[in-house]
């Protein structure tokens, strides 16, 4: 699965650090907006629940409920106009492995730092 996510990211022009580095405490999700854009994480399988919009330099960490199923998780960046762009979409069972990601780079070339 890690190889598939990395390959999709490369095809989309997103630089990706090794996905194994993004493992975090079970049930937790943490993002750091380390690029020149704001970022957000969205959980479509949880009715579209999302983080707050994280300004550059900011972080968001949340202990999600310990549901034991694989779900879709999407990471978005924001252009200065307020429109969003998809950085990364993945499938993860947060109860098994949480997520710790830095979303860096620029709007023209986002970088996922795991």
Protein backbone atom coordinates (compact mmCIF):
# COMPACT_ATOMS: atom_id res chain seq x y z
CA UNK A 1 0.00 0.00 0.00
CA UNK A 2 2.83 2.40 0.86
CA UNK A 3 4.31 1.94 -2.60
CA UNK A 4 0.95 2.69 -4.24
CA UNK A 5 0.54 5.94 -2.28
CA UNK A 6 4.10 6.96 -3.12
CA UNK A 7 3.62 6.17 -6.81
CA UNK A 8 0.36 8.15 -7.00
CA UNK A 9 2.06 11.07 -5.27
CA UNK A 10 4.95 11.00 -7.74
CA UNK A 11 2.55 10.93 -10.67
CA UNK A 12 0.78 13.96 -9.22
CA UNK A 13 4.07 15.81 -8.77
CA UNK A 14 4.12 15.63 -4.98
CA UNK A 15 7.38 14.82 -3.24
CA UNK A 16 6.92 12.18 -0.55
CA UNK A 17 9.16 11.09 2.31
CA UNK A 18 9.13 7.39 3.23
CA UNK A 19 5.59 6.57 4.36
CA UNK A 20 6.78 4.43 7.26
CA UNK A 21 8.09 7.61 8.88
CA UNK A 22 4.53 8.94 9.06
CA UNK A 23 3.44 6.29 11.56
CA UNK A 24 2.29 7.88 14.80
CA UNK A 25 0.52 6.90 17.99
CA UNK A 26 -2.59 4.78 17.28
CA UNK A 27 -5.80 6.84 16.92
CA UNK A 28 -3.90 10.16 16.53
CA UNK A 29 -3.55 12.41 13.49
CA UNK A 30 -1.13 15.34 13.47
CA UNK A 31 -0.28 17.72 10.64
CA UNK A 32 2.14 20.62 10.45
CA UNK A 33 1.71 23.24 7.75
CA UNK A 34 5.36 23.86 6.98
CA UNK A 35 4.95 25.21 3.46
CA UNK A 36 3.87 28.57 2.06
CA UNK A 37 0.18 27.57 2.21
CA UNK A 38 -2.44 26.66 4.80
CA UNK A 39 -3.44 23.01 5.10
CA UNK A 40 -6.34 20.85 6.25
CA UNK A 41 -7.05 17.14 6.79
CA UNK A 42 -10.50 15.77 5.86
CA UNK A 43 -12.11 12.47 6.88
CA UNK A 44 -14.79 11.73 4.21
CA UNK A 45 -15.81 8.45 5.87
CA UNK A 46 -16.63 10.37 9.06
CA UNK A 47 -19.21 12.53 7.34
CA UNK A 48 -16.63 15.00 6.03
CA UNK A 49 -15.23 15.84 9.48
CA UNK A 50 -12.11 17.97 9.09
CA UNK A 51 -9.39 19.71 11.02
CA UNK A 52 -9.30 23.44 11.37
CA UNK A 53 -7.46 25.18 8.54
CA UNK A 54 -3.85 25.28 9.73
CA UNK A 55 -1.92 28.43 8.83
CA UNK A 56 1.71 28.14 7.67
CA UNK A 57 3.89 27.24 10.66
CA UNK A 58 0.93 25.90 12.65
CA UNK A 59 0.00 22.40 13.75
CA UNK A 60 -3.17 20.41 14.39
CA UNK A 61 -3.27 17.21 16.45
CA UNK A 62 -6.36 15.23 17.39
CA UNK A 63 -7.05 11.89 19.01
CA UNK A 64 -9.68 10.38 16.78
CA UNK A 65 -12.16 7.86 18.11
CA UNK A 66 -10.74 4.36 18.13
CA UNK A 67 -12.82 2.98 15.30
CA UNK A 68 -11.16 -0.16 14.00
CA UNK A 69 -11.63 0.12 10.23
CA UNK A 70 -9.73 1.40 7.21
CA UNK A 71 -10.90 4.83 6.10
CA UNK A 72 -10.06 7.46 3.50
CA UNK A 73 -8.07 10.45 4.74
CA UNK A 74 -7.39 13.46 2.51
CA UNK A 75 -4.85 16.25 2.94
CA UNK A 76 -5.51 19.60 1.26
CA UNK A 77 -3.60 22.81 0.75
CA UNK A 78 -5.10 26.26 0.22
CA UNK A 79 -4.21 28.72 -2.50
CA UNK A 80 -4.21 32.38 -1.45
CA UNK A 81 -7.58 32.67 -3.26
CA UNK A 82 -9.08 30.22 -0.75
CA UNK A 83 -9.48 27.40 -3.27
CA UNK A 84 -8.15 24.01 -2.21
CA UNK A 85 -5.84 21.53 -3.90
CA UNK A 86 -5.47 17.87 -2.99
CA UNK A 87 -2.01 16.98 -1.68
CA UNK A 88 -2.49 13.36 -0.64
CA UNK A 89 -5.29 10.80 -0.27
CA UNK A 90 -4.65 7.58 1.60
CA UNK A 91 -6.37 4.64 3.27
CA UNK A 92 -5.46 4.00 6.89
CA UNK A 93 -6.78 2.21 9.95
CA UNK A 94 -5.97 4.88 12.53
CA UNK A 95 -6.58 2.41 15.33
CA UNK A 96 -3.54 0.46 14.10
CA UNK A 97 -1.29 3.36 13.05
CA UNK A 98 -1.80 7.07 13.49
CA UNK A 99 -0.47 9.72 11.11
CA UNK A 100 2.18 12.41 11.60
CA UNK A 101 2.81 14.51 8.49
CA UNK A 102 4.40 17.79 7.57
CA UNK A 103 2.80 19.46 4.55
CA UNK A 104 5.49 21.67 3.11
CA UNK A 105 6.86 23.06 -0.10
CA UNK A 106 4.89 25.51 -2.18
CA UNK A 107 1.46 25.53 -3.78
CA UNK A 108 3.21 24.80 -7.10
CA UNK A 109 5.20 21.90 -5.61
CA UNK A 110 3.79 20.57 -2.34
CA UNK A 111 5.99 18.24 -0.28
CA UNK A 112 4.73 15.58 2.13
CA UNK A 113 7.16 15.07 4.99
CA UNK A 114 6.50 11.90 6.99
